[in-house]
């Protein structure tokens, strides 16, 4: 159940971040409310996943790492952002860090 909640937290965080551009600096009401609501759902789901037994460090690493990776992909596919070698290396390092933390937490 904790990992289902973590998945919900990641999805909501990615949605909230994806909506940031449409808020135009939090000057547009509905996109702003949608973005902030998605972030609220994300934090609530993450907190509940941790309360259900997920380790804080592992949960946060997966949440932030997968969220960052998905945002880079969404930015490239839907927001006309470029994928550079530097971004690919950065994402690879993030993923490697999450893997290492999970391997260390498995003992």
PDB file of N, CA and C in Angstrom:
ATOM      1  N   UNK A   1       0.831  -1.206   0.000  1.00  0.00           N
ATOM      2  CA  UNK A   1       0.000   0.000   0.000  1.00  0.00           C
ATOM      3  C   UNK A   1       0.872   1.265   0.000  1.00  0.00           C
ATOM      4  N   UNK A   2       1.999   1.208   0.703  1.00  0.00           N
ATOM      5  CA  UNK A   2       2.872   2.377   0.765  1.00  0.00           C
ATOM      6  C   UNK A   2       3.381   2.758  -0.625  1.00  0.00           C
ATOM      7  N   UNK A   3       3.690   1.748  -1.451  1.00  0.00           N
ATOM      8  CA  UNK A   3       4.207   2.051  -2.788  1.00  0.00           C
ATOM      9  C   UNK A   3       3.120   2.559  -3.727  1.00  0.00           C
ATOM     10  N   UNK A   4       1.887   2.157  -3.517  1.00  0.00           N
ATOM     11  CA  UNK A   4       0.768   2.709  -4.285  1.00  0.00           C
ATOM     12  C   UNK A   4       0.612   4.193  -3.950  1.00  0.00           C
ATOM     13  N   UNK A   5       0.684   4.513  -2.674  1.00  0.00           N
ATOM     14  CA  UNK A   5       0.606   5.919  -2.251  1.00  0.00           C
ATOM     15  C   UNK A   5       1.790   6.716  -2.781  1.00  0.00           C
ATOM     16  N   UNK A   6       2.963   6.091  -2.802  1.00  0.00           N
ATOM     17  CA  UNK A   6       4.136   6.766  -3.356  1.00  0.00           C
ATOM     18  C   UNK A   6       3.936   7.040  -4.841  1.00  0.00           C
ATOM     19  N   UNK A   7       3.361   6.093  -5.565  1.00  0.00           N
ATOM     20  CA  UNK A   7       3.057   6.314  -6.982  1.00  0.00           C
ATOM     21  C   UNK A   7       2.091   7.468  -7.183  1.00  0.00           C
ATOM     22  N   UNK A   8       1.067   7.532  -6.323  1.00  0.00           N
ATOM     23  CA  UNK A   8       0.119   8.650  -6.372  1.00  0.00           C
ATOM     24  C   UNK A   8       0.834   9.968  -6.087  1.00  0.00           C
ATOM     25  N   UNK A   9       1.724   9.955  -5.102  1.00  0.00           N
ATOM     26  CA  UNK A   9       2.478  11.166  -4.756  1.00  0.00           C
ATOM     27  C   UNK A   9       3.337  11.635  -5.923  1.00  0.00           C
ATOM     28  N   UNK A  10       3.974  10.702  -6.593  1.00  0.00           N
ATOM     29  CA  UNK A  10       4.820  11.052  -7.742  1.00  0.00           C
ATOM     30  C   UNK A  10       3.964  11.605  -8.877  1.00  0.00           C
ATOM     31  N   UNK A  11       2.858  10.940  -9.179  1.00  0.00           N
ATOM     32  CA  UNK A  11       1.976  11.415 -10.247  1.00  0.00           C
ATOM     33  C   UNK A  11       1.432  12.806  -9.975  1.00  0.00           C
ATOM     34  N   UNK A  12       1.020  13.053  -8.743  1.00  0.00           N
ATOM     35  CA  UNK A  12       0.477  14.369  -8.391  1.00  0.00           C
ATOM     36  C   UNK A  12       1.560  15.441  -8.452  1.00  0.00           C
ATOM     37  N   UNK A  13       2.769  15.107  -8.010  1.00  0.00           N
ATOM     38  CA  UNK A  13       3.867  16.077  -8.062  1.00  0.00           C
ATOM     39  C   UNK A  13       4.223  16.414  -9.498  1.00  0.00           C
ATOM     40  N   UNK A  14       4.250  15.406 -10.358  1.00  0.00           N
ATOM     41  CA  UNK A  14       4.554  15.640 -11.775  1.00  0.00           C
ATOM     42  C   UNK A  14       3.458  16.493 -12.413  1.00  0.00           C
ATOM     43  N   UNK A  15       2.212  16.229 -12.079  1.00  0.00           N
ATOM     44  CA  UNK A  15       1.107  17.043 -12.594  1.00  0.00           C
ATOM     45  C   UNK A  15       1.249  18.493 -12.126  1.00  0.00           C
ATOM     46  N   UNK A  16       1.487  18.690 -10.842  1.00  0.00           N
ATOM     47  CA  UNK A  16       1.629  20.049 -10.305  1.00  0.00           C
ATOM     48  C   UNK A  16       2.767  20.807 -10.962  1.00  0.00           C
ATOM     49  N   UNK A  17       3.888  20.124 -11.160  1.00  0.00           N
ATOM     50  CA  UNK A  17       5.041  20.766 -11.792  1.00  0.00           C
ATOM     51  C   UNK A  17       4.761  21.053 -13.266  1.00  0.00           C
ATOM     52  N   UNK A  18       4.090  20.133 -13.936  1.00  0.00           N
ATOM     53  CA  UNK A  18       3.759  20.334 -15.348  1.00  0.00           C
ATOM     54  C   UNK A  18       2.843  21.539 -15.552  1.00  0.00           C
ATOM     55  N   UNK A  19       2.035  21.837 -14.561  1.00  0.00           N
ATOM     56  CA  UNK A  19       1.106  22.967 -14.667  1.00  0.00           C
ATOM     57  C   UNK A  19       1.742  24.322 -14.343  1.00  0.00           C
ATOM     58  N   UNK A  20       2.952  24.325 -13.820  1.00  0.00           N
ATOM     59  CA  UNK A  20       3.556  25.586 -13.379  1.00  0.00           C
ATOM     60  C   UNK A  20       3.640  26.638 -14.478  1.00  0.00           C
ATOM     61  N   UNK A  21       4.028  26.243 -15.674  1.00  0.00           N
ATOM     62  CA  UNK A  21       4.149  27.217 -16.759  1.00  0.00           C
ATOM     63  C   UNK A  21       2.806  27.884 -17.056  1.00  0.00           C
ATOM     64  N   UNK A  22       1.727  27.101 -16.996  1.00  0.00           N
ATOM     65  CA  UNK A  22       0.404  27.643 -17.320  1.00  0.00           C
ATOM     66  C   UNK A  22      -0.121  28.598 -16.240  1.00  0.00           C
ATOM     67  N   UNK A  23       0.490  28.598 -15.053  1.00  0.00           N
ATOM     68  CA  UNK A  23       0.050  29.537 -14.015  1.00  0.00           C
ATOM     69  C   UNK A  23       0.510  30.960 -14.304  1.00  0.00           C
ATOM     70  N   UNK A  24       1.496  31.086 -15.204  1.00  0.00           N
ATOM     71  CA  UNK A  24       2.080  32.395 -15.547  1.00  0.00           C
ATOM     72  C   UNK A  24       2.472  33.160 -14.286  1.00  0.00           C
ATOM     73  N   UNK A  25       3.302  32.505 -13.481  1.00  0.00           N
ATOM     74  CA  UNK A  25       3.793  33.150 -12.260  1.00  0.00           C
ATOM     75  C   UNK A  25       2.726  33.273 -11.187  1.00  0.00           C
ATOM     76  N   UNK A  26       1.822  32.325 -11.139  1.00  0.00           N
ATOM     77  CA  UNK A  26       0.697  32.313 -10.196  1.00  0.00           C
ATOM     78  C   UNK A  26      -0.227  33.514 -10.373  1.00  0.00           C
ATOM     79  N   UNK A  27      -0.350  33.988 -11.606  1.00  0.00           N
ATOM     80  CA  UNK A  27      -1.264  35.100 -11.894  1.00  0.00           C
ATOM     81  C   UNK A  27      -2.584  34.621 -12.493  1.00  0.00           C
ATOM     82  N   UNK A  28      -2.644  33.351 -12.905  1.00  0.00           N
ATOM     83  CA  UNK A  28      -3.881  32.780 -13.449  1.00  0.00           C
ATOM     84  C   UNK A  28      -4.492  31.862 -12.397  1.00  0.00           C
ATOM     85  N   UNK A  29      -5.726  32.159 -12.014  1.00  0.00           N
ATOM     86  CA  UNK A  29      -6.358  31.502 -10.876  1.00  0.00           C
ATOM     87  C   UNK A  29      -6.477  29.992 -11.022  1.00  0.00           C
ATOM     88  N   UNK A  30      -7.125  29.506 -12.069  1.00  0.00           N
ATOM     89  CA  UNK A  30      -7.436  28.081 -12.167  1.00  0.00           C
ATOM     90  C   UNK A  30      -6.205  27.206 -12.332  1.00  0.00           C
ATOM     91  N   UNK A  31      -5.272  27.569 -13.197  1.00  0.00           N
ATOM     92  CA  UNK A  31      -4.044  26.756 -13.253  1.00  0.00           C
ATOM     93  C   UNK A  31      -3.266  26.780 -11.929  1.00  0.00           C
ATOM     94  N   UNK A  32      -3.280  27.930 -11.256  1.00  0.00           N
ATOM     95  CA  UNK A  32      -2.602  28.039  -9.959  1.00  0.00           C
ATOM     96  C   UNK A  32      -3.246  27.118  -8.935  1.00  0.00           C
ATOM     97  N   UNK A  33      -4.578  27.138  -8.866  1.00  0.00           N
ATOM     98  CA  UNK A  33      -5.278  26.268  -7.920  1.00  0.00           C
ATOM     99  C   UNK A  33      -5.051  24.796  -8.251  1.00  0.00           C
ATOM    100  N   UNK A  34      -5.043  24.469  -9.529  1.00  0.00           N
ATOM    101  CA  UNK A  34      -4.810  23.083  -9.934  1.00  0.00           C
ATOM    102  C   UNK A  34      -3.396  22.636  -9.554  1.00  0.00           C
ATOM    103  N   UNK A  35      -2.415  23.483  -9.803  1.00  0.00           N
ATOM    104  CA  UNK A  35      -1.036  23.154  -9.473  1.00  0.00           C
ATOM    105  C   UNK A  35      -0.846  22.988  -7.971  1.00  0.00           C
ATOM    106  N   UNK A  36      -1.330  23.932  -7.202  1.00  0.00           N
ATOM    107  CA  UNK A  36      -1.189  23.861  -5.744  1.00  0.00           C
ATOM    108  C   UNK A  36      -1.960  22.678  -5.159  1.00  0.00           C
ATOM    109  N   UNK A  37      -3.119  22.369  -5.731  1.00  0.00           N
ATOM    110  CA  UNK A  37      -3.892  21.208  -5.275  1.00  0.00           C
ATOM    111  C   UNK A  37      -3.135  19.915  -5.553  1.00  0.00           C
ATOM    112  N   UNK A  38      -2.521  19.833  -6.718  1.00  0.00           N
ATOM    113  CA  UNK A  38      -1.739  18.637  -7.054  1.00  0.00           C
ATOM    114  C   UNK A  38      -0.574  18.476  -6.087  1.00  0.00           C
ATOM    115  N   UNK A  39       0.093  19.580  -5.755  1.00  0.00           N
ATOM    116  CA  UNK A  39       1.184  19.511  -4.779  1.00  0.00           C
ATOM    117  C   UNK A  39       0.668  19.080  -3.405  1.00  0.00           C
ATOM    118  N   UNK A  40      -0.496  19.571  -3.007  1.00  0.00           N
ATOM    119  CA  UNK A  40      -1.072  19.178  -1.714  1.00  0.00           C
ATOM    120  C   UNK A  40      -1.364  17.678  -1.683  1.00  0.00           C
ATOM    121  N   UNK A  41      -1.941  17.161  -2.766  1.00  0.00           N
ATOM    122  CA  UNK A  41      -2.209  15.718  -2.857  1.00  0.00           C
ATOM    123  C   UNK A  41      -0.892  14.948  -2.805  1.00  0.00           C
ATOM    124  N   UNK A  42       0.114  15.454  -3.497  1.00  0.00           N
ATOM    125  CA  UNK A  42       1.405  14.795  -3.523  1.00  0.00           C
ATOM    126  C   UNK A  42       2.011  14.680  -2.124  1.00  0.00           C
ATOM    127  N   UNK A  43       2.033  15.788  -1.390  1.00  0.00           N
ATOM    128  CA  UNK A  43       2.616  15.765  -0.050  1.00  0.00           C
ATOM    129  C   UNK A  43       1.795  14.906   0.905  1.00  0.00           C
ATOM    130  N   UNK A  44       0.495  14.943   0.778  1.00  0.00           N
ATOM    131  CA  UNK A  44      -0.353  14.115   1.627  1.00  0.00           C
ATOM    132  C   UNK A  44      -0.107  12.632   1.352  1.00  0.00           C
ATOM    133  N   UNK A  45      -0.044  12.254   0.083  1.00  0.00           N
ATOM    134  CA  UNK A  45       0.199  10.858  -0.275  1.00  0.00           C
ATOM    135  C   UNK A  45       1.595  10.418   0.159  1.00  0.00           C
ATOM    136  N   UNK A  46       2.595  11.281  -0.010  1.00  0.00           N
ATOM    137  CA  UNK A  46       3.957  10.949   0.419  1.00  0.00           C
ATOM    138  C   UNK A  46       4.006  10.774   1.933  1.00  0.00           C
ATOM    139  N   UNK A  47       3.391  11.675   2.664  1.00  0.00           N
ATOM    140  CA  UNK A  47       3.372  11.575   4.127  1.00  0.00           C
ATOM    141  C   UNK A  47       2.659  10.309   4.583  1.00  0.00           C
ATOM    142  N   UNK A  48       1.574   9.958   3.919  1.00  0.00           N
ATOM    143  CA  UNK A  48       0.829   8.756   4.278  1.00  0.00           C
ATOM    144  C   UNK A  48       1.640   7.503   3.954  1.00  0.00           C
ATOM    145  N   UNK A  49       2.352   7.506   2.828  1.00  0.00           N
ATOM    146  CA  UNK A  49       3.200   6.367   2.470  1.00  0.00           C
ATOM    147  C   UNK A  49       4.289   6.163   3.519  1.00  0.00           C
ATOM    148  N   UNK A  50       4.856   7.252   3.996  1.00  0.00           N
ATOM    149  CA  UNK A  50       5.889   7.167   5.026  1.00  0.00           C
ATOM    150  C   UNK A  50       5.281   6.678   6.340  1.00  0.00           C
ATOM    151  N   UNK A  51       4.103   7.144   6.649  1.00  0.00           N
ATOM    152  CA  UNK A  51       3.415   6.709   7.866  1.00  0.00           C
ATOM    153  C   UNK A  51       3.095   5.217   7.796  1.00  0.00           C
ATOM    154  N   UNK A  52       2.852   4.702   6.590  1.00  0.00           N
ATOM    155  CA  UNK A  52       2.520   3.285   6.400  1.00  0.00           C
ATOM    156  C   UNK A  52       3.747   2.381   6.451  1.00  0.00           C
ATOM    157  N   UNK A  53       4.926   2.949   6.644  1.00  0.00           N
ATOM    158  CA  UNK A  53       6.112   2.120   6.826  1.00  0.00           C
ATOM    159  C   UNK A  53       7.243   2.341   5.837  1.00  0.00           C
ATOM    160  N   UNK A  54       7.043   3.161   4.837  1.00  0.00           N
ATOM    161  CA  UNK A  54       8.117   3.447   3.890  1.00  0.00           C
ATOM    162  C   UNK A  54       9.162   4.319   4.596  1.00  0.00           C
ATOM    163  N   UNK A  55      10.430   3.958   4.450  1.00  0.00           N
ATOM    164  CA  UNK A  55      11.486   4.766   5.066  1.00  0.00           C
ATOM    165  C   UNK A  55      11.513   6.154   4.428  1.00  0.00           C
ATOM    166  N   UNK A  56      11.725   7.166   5.250  1.00  0.00           N
ATOM    167  CA  UNK A  56      11.708   8.551   4.758  1.00  0.00           C
ATOM    168  C   UNK A  56      12.739   8.759   3.658  1.00  0.00           C
ATOM    169  N   UNK A  57      13.964   8.336   3.883  1.00  0.00           N
ATOM    170  CA  UNK A  57      15.022   8.554   2.896  1.00  0.00           C
ATOM    171  C   UNK A  57      14.761   7.847   1.584  1.00  0.00           C
ATOM    172  N   UNK A  58      14.276   6.625   1.672  1.00  0.00           N
ATOM    173  CA  UNK A  58      13.977   5.857   0.463  1.00  0.00           C
ATOM    174  C   UNK A  58      12.779   6.466  -0.265  1.00  0.00           C
ATOM    175  N   UNK A  59      11.726   6.747   0.472  1.00  0.00           N
ATOM    176  CA  UNK A  59      10.528   7.332  -0.131  1.00  0.00           C
ATOM    177  C   UNK A  59      10.810   8.659  -0.809  1.00  0.00           C
ATOM    178  N   UNK A  60      11.552   9.517  -0.119  1.00  0.00           N
ATOM    179  CA  UNK A  60      11.858  10.832  -0.682  1.00  0.00           C
ATOM    180  C   UNK A  60      12.768  10.700  -1.897  1.00  0.00           C
ATOM    181  N   UNK A  61      13.734   9.783  -1.838  1.00  0.00           N
ATOM    182  CA  UNK A  61      14.636   9.593  -2.976  1.00  0.00           C
ATOM    183  C   UNK A  61      13.870   9.130  -4.212  1.00  0.00           C
ATOM    184  N   UNK A  62      12.973   8.179  -4.039  1.00  0.00           N
ATOM    185  CA  UNK A  62      12.185   7.692  -5.176  1.00  0.00           C
ATOM    186  C   UNK A  62      11.255   8.790  -5.677  1.00  0.00           C
ATOM    187  N   UNK A  63      10.581   9.476  -4.755  1.00  0.00           N
ATOM    188  CA  UNK A  63       9.642  10.544  -5.114  1.00  0.00           C
ATOM    189  C   UNK A  63      10.343  11.647  -5.903  1.00  0.00           C
ATOM    190  N   UNK A  64      11.451  12.129  -5.379  1.00  0.00           N
ATOM    191  CA  UNK A  64      12.128  13.241  -6.062  1.00  0.00           C
ATOM    192  C   UNK A  64      12.852  12.777  -7.321  1.00  0.00           C
ATOM    193  N   UNK A  65      13.482  11.606  -7.270  1.00  0.00           N
ATOM    194  CA  UNK A  65      14.231  11.120  -8.430  1.00  0.00           C
ATOM    195  C   UNK A  65      13.344  10.774  -9.607  1.00  0.00           C
ATOM    196  N   UNK A  66      12.290  10.016  -9.341  1.00  0.00           N
ATOM    197  CA  UNK A  66      11.375   9.655 -10.428  1.00  0.00           C
ATOM    198  C   UNK A  66      10.608  10.880 -10.919  1.00  0.00           C
ATOM    199  N   UNK A  67      10.235  11.756  -9.999  1.00  0.00           N
ATOM    200  CA  UNK A  67       9.556  12.990 -10.387  1.00  0.00           C
ATOM    201  C   UNK A  67      10.421  13.842 -11.301  1.00  0.00           C
ATOM    202  N   UNK A  68      11.692  13.987 -10.940  1.00  0.00           N
ATOM    203  CA  UNK A  68      12.623  14.771 -11.756  1.00  0.00           C
ATOM    204  C   UNK A  68      12.787  14.150 -13.136  1.00  0.00           C
ATOM    205  N   UNK A  69      12.956  12.850 -13.174  1.00  0.00           N
ATOM    206  CA  UNK A  69      13.125  12.156 -14.457  1.00  0.00           C
ATOM    207  C   UNK A  69      11.891  12.335 -15.343  1.00  0.00           C
ATOM    208  N   UNK A  70      10.716  12.154 -14.764  1.00  0.00           N
ATOM    209  CA  UNK A  70       9.482  12.297 -15.548  1.00  0.00           C
ATOM    210  C   UNK A  70       9.284  13.725 -16.040  1.00  0.00           C
ATOM    211  N   UNK A  71       9.641  14.710 -15.221  1.00  0.00           N
ATOM    212  CA  UNK A  71       9.492  16.110 -15.636  1.00  0.00           C
ATOM    213  C   UNK A  71      10.420  16.435 -16.804  1.00  0.00           C
ATOM    214  N   UNK A  72      11.633  15.909 -16.786  1.00  0.00           N
ATOM    215  CA  UNK A  72      12.539  16.137 -17.920  1.00  0.00           C
ATOM    216  C   UNK A  72      11.947  15.525 -19.192  1.00  0.00           C
ATOM    217  N   UNK A  73      11.387  14.330 -19.077  1.00  0.00           N
ATOM    218  CA  UNK A  73      10.773  13.674 -20.241  1.00  0.00           C
ATOM    219  C   UNK A  73       9.556  14.457 -20.721  1.00  0.00           C
ATOM    220  N   UNK A  74       8.697  14.866 -19.809  1.00  0.00           N
ATOM    221  CA  UNK A  74       7.505  15.651 -20.173  1.00  0.00           C
ATOM    222  C   UNK A  74       7.911  16.984 -20.791  1.00  0.00           C
ATOM    223  N   UNK A  75       8.928  17.615 -20.217  1.00  0.00           N
ATOM    224  CA  UNK A  75       9.416  18.874 -20.782  1.00  0.00           C
ATOM    225  C   UNK A  75       9.869  18.717 -22.221  1.00  0.00           C
ATOM    226  N   UNK A  76      10.547  17.619 -22.495  1.00  0.00           N
ATOM    227  CA  UNK A  76      11.028  17.375 -23.856  1.00  0.00           C
ATOM    228  C   UNK A  76       9.882  17.046 -24.801  1.00  0.00           C
ATOM    229  N   UNK A  77       8.937  16.235 -24.338  1.00  0.00           N
ATOM    230  CA  UNK A  77       7.862  15.786 -25.232  1.00  0.00           C
ATOM    231  C   UNK A  77       6.760  16.822 -25.445  1.00  0.00           C
ATOM    232  N   UNK A  78       6.437  17.577 -24.403  1.00  0.00           N
ATOM    233  CA  UNK A  78       5.251  18.441 -24.485  1.00  0.00           C
ATOM    234  C   UNK A  78       5.528  19.936 -24.314  1.00  0.00           C
ATOM    235  N   UNK A  79       6.688  20.300 -23.765  1.00  0.00           N
ATOM    236  CA  UNK A  79       6.952  21.708 -23.484  1.00  0.00           C
ATOM    237  C   UNK A  79       8.102  22.274 -24.315  1.00  0.00           C
ATOM    238  N   UNK A  80       8.496  21.550 -25.346  1.00  0.00           N
ATOM    239  CA  UNK A  80       9.533  21.985 -26.299  1.00  0.00           C
ATOM    240  C   UNK A  80      10.869  22.284 -25.626  1.00  0.00           C
ATOM    241  N   UNK A  81      11.192  21.548 -24.588  1.00  0.00           N
ATOM    242  CA  UNK A  81      12.485  21.729 -23.928  1.00  0.00           C
ATOM    243  C   UNK A  81      13.480  20.749 -24.537  1.00  0.00           C
ATOM    244  N   UNK A  82      14.714  21.179 -24.655  1.00  0.00           N
ATOM    245  CA  UNK A  82      15.738  20.351 -25.286  1.00  0.00           C
ATOM    246  C   UNK A  82      16.290  19.325 -24.298  1.00  0.00           C
ATOM    247  N   UNK A  83      16.598  18.158 -24.834  1.00  0.00           N
ATOM    248  CA  UNK A  83      17.338  17.146 -24.072  1.00  0.00           C
ATOM    249  C   UNK A  83      18.797  17.293 -24.479  1.00  0.00           C
ATOM    250  N   UNK A  84      19.636  17.592 -23.523  1.00  0.00           N
ATOM    251  CA  UNK A  84      21.066  17.740 -23.789  1.00  0.00           C
ATOM    252  C   UNK A  84      21.815  16.592 -23.135  1.00  0.00           C
ATOM    253  N   UNK A  85      23.061  16.447 -23.521  1.00  0.00           N
ATOM    254  CA  UNK A  85      23.902  15.415 -22.911  1.00  0.00           C
ATOM    255  C   UNK A  85      24.025  15.650 -21.408  1.00  0.00           C
ATOM    256  N   UNK A  86      24.103  16.901 -21.016  1.00  0.00           N
ATOM    257  CA  UNK A  86      24.204  17.232 -19.599  1.00  0.00           C
ATOM    258  C   UNK A  86      22.959  16.779 -18.837  1.00  0.00           C
ATOM    259  N   UNK A  87      21.783  16.979 -19.424  1.00  0.00           N
ATOM    260  CA  UNK A  87      20.549  16.526 -18.781  1.00  0.00           C
ATOM    261  C   UNK A  87      20.511  15.009 -18.674  1.00  0.00           C
ATOM    262  N   UNK A  88      20.928  14.331 -19.717  1.00  0.00           N
ATOM    263  CA  UNK A  88      20.925  12.867 -19.699  1.00  0.00           C
ATOM    264  C   UNK A  88      21.872  12.353 -18.615  1.00  0.00           C
ATOM    265  N   UNK A  89      23.051  12.933 -18.529  1.00  0.00           N
ATOM    266  CA  UNK A  89      24.001  12.528 -17.487  1.00  0.00           C
ATOM    267  C   UNK A  89      23.427  12.817 -16.103  1.00  0.00           C
ATOM    268  N   UNK A  90      22.815  13.980 -15.939  1.00  0.00           N
ATOM    269  CA  UNK A  90      22.218  14.333 -14.654  1.00  0.00           C
ATOM    270  C   UNK A  90      21.124  13.367 -14.238  1.00  0.00           C
ATOM    271  N   UNK A  91      20.258  13.016 -15.172  1.00  0.00           N
ATOM    272  CA  UNK A  91      19.177  12.067 -14.880  1.00  0.00           C
ATOM    273  C   UNK A  91      19.764  10.695 -14.557  1.00  0.00           C
ATOM    274  N   UNK A  92      20.790  10.289 -15.283  1.00  0.00           N
ATOM    275  CA  UNK A  92      21.436   8.999 -15.009  1.00  0.00           C
ATOM    276  C   UNK A  92      22.017   8.986 -13.590  1.00  0.00           C
ATOM    277  N   UNK A  93      22.604  10.086 -13.175  1.00  0.00           N
ATOM    278  CA  UNK A  93      23.148  10.173 -11.818  1.00  0.00           C
ATOM    279  C   UNK A  93      22.041  10.139 -10.762  1.00  0.00           C
ATOM    280  N   UNK A  94      20.918  10.802 -11.049  1.00  0.00           N
ATOM    281  CA  UNK A  94      19.780  10.768 -10.122  1.00  0.00           C
ATOM    282  C   UNK A  94      19.269   9.346  -9.975  1.00  0.00           C
ATOM    283  N   UNK A  95      19.073   8.670 -11.105  1.00  0.00           N
ATOM    284  CA  UNK A  95      18.581   7.288 -11.072  1.00  0.00           C
ATOM    285  C   UNK A  95      19.578   6.392 -10.345  1.00  0.00           C
ATOM    286  N   UNK A  96      20.862   6.557 -10.622  1.00  0.00           N
ATOM    287  CA  UNK A  96      21.887   5.760  -9.939  1.00  0.00           C
ATOM    288  C   UNK A  96      21.842   6.005  -8.431  1.00  0.00           C
ATOM    289  N   UNK A  97      21.655   7.247  -8.030  1.00  0.00           N
ATOM    290  CA  UNK A  97      21.560   7.565  -6.608  1.00  0.00           C
ATOM    291  C   UNK A  97      20.373   6.896  -5.940  1.00  0.00           C
ATOM    292  N   UNK A  98      19.240   6.894  -6.609  1.00  0.00           N
ATOM    293  CA  UNK A  98      18.043   6.242  -6.059  1.00  0.00           C
ATOM    294  C   UNK A  98      18.276   4.740  -5.939  1.00  0.00           C
ATOM    295  N   UNK A  99      18.884   4.137  -6.947  1.00  0.00           N
ATOM    296  CA  UNK A  99      19.182   2.711  -6.909  1.00  0.00           C
ATOM    297  C   UNK A  99      20.118   2.386  -5.739  1.00  0.00           C
ATOM    298  N   UNK A 100      21.175   3.166  -5.587  1.00  0.00           N
ATOM    299  CA  UNK A 100      22.125   2.927  -4.504  1.00  0.00           C
ATOM    300  C   UNK A 100      21.443   3.063  -3.141  1.00  0.00           C
ATOM    301  N   UNK A 101      20.607   4.075  -2.980  1.00  0.00           N
ATOM    302  CA  UNK A 101      19.896   4.230  -1.710  1.00  0.00           C
ATOM    303  C   UNK A 101      18.976   3.044  -1.452  1.00  0.00           C
ATOM    304  N   UNK A 102      18.295   2.559  -2.469  1.00  0.00           N
ATOM    305  CA  UNK A 102      17.420   1.404  -2.300  1.00  0.00           C
ATOM    306  C   UNK A 102      18.205   0.142  -1.965  1.00  0.00           C
ATOM    307  N   UNK A 103      19.340  -0.031  -2.581  1.00  0.00           N
ATOM    308  CA  UNK A 103      20.174  -1.204  -2.269  1.00  0.00           C
ATOM    309  C   UNK A 103      20.687  -1.139  -0.837  1.00  0.00           C
ATOM    310  N   UNK A 104      21.048   0.052  -0.400  1.00  0.00           N
ATOM    311  CA  UNK A 104      21.518   0.225   0.970  1.00  0.00           C
ATOM    312  C   UNK A 104      20.413   0.064   1.986  1.00  0.00           C
ATOM    313  N   UNK A 105      19.194   0.431   1.622  1.00  0.00           N
ATOM    314  CA  UNK A 105      18.056   0.316   2.526  1.00  0.00           C
ATOM    315  C   UNK A 105      17.480  -1.080   2.602  1.00  0.00           C
ATOM    316  N   UNK A 106      17.881  -1.929   1.667  1.00  0.00           N
ATOM    317  CA  UNK A 106      17.333  -3.286   1.618  1.00  0.00           C
ATOM    318  C   UNK A 106      17.957  -4.202   2.665  1.00  0.00           C
ATOM    319  N   UNK A 107      19.069  -3.807   3.261  1.00  0.00           N
ATOM    320  CA  UNK A 107      19.763  -4.670   4.238  1.00  0.00           C
ATOM    321  C   UNK A 107      19.108  -4.618   5.589  1.00  0.00           C
TER     322      UNK A 107
END
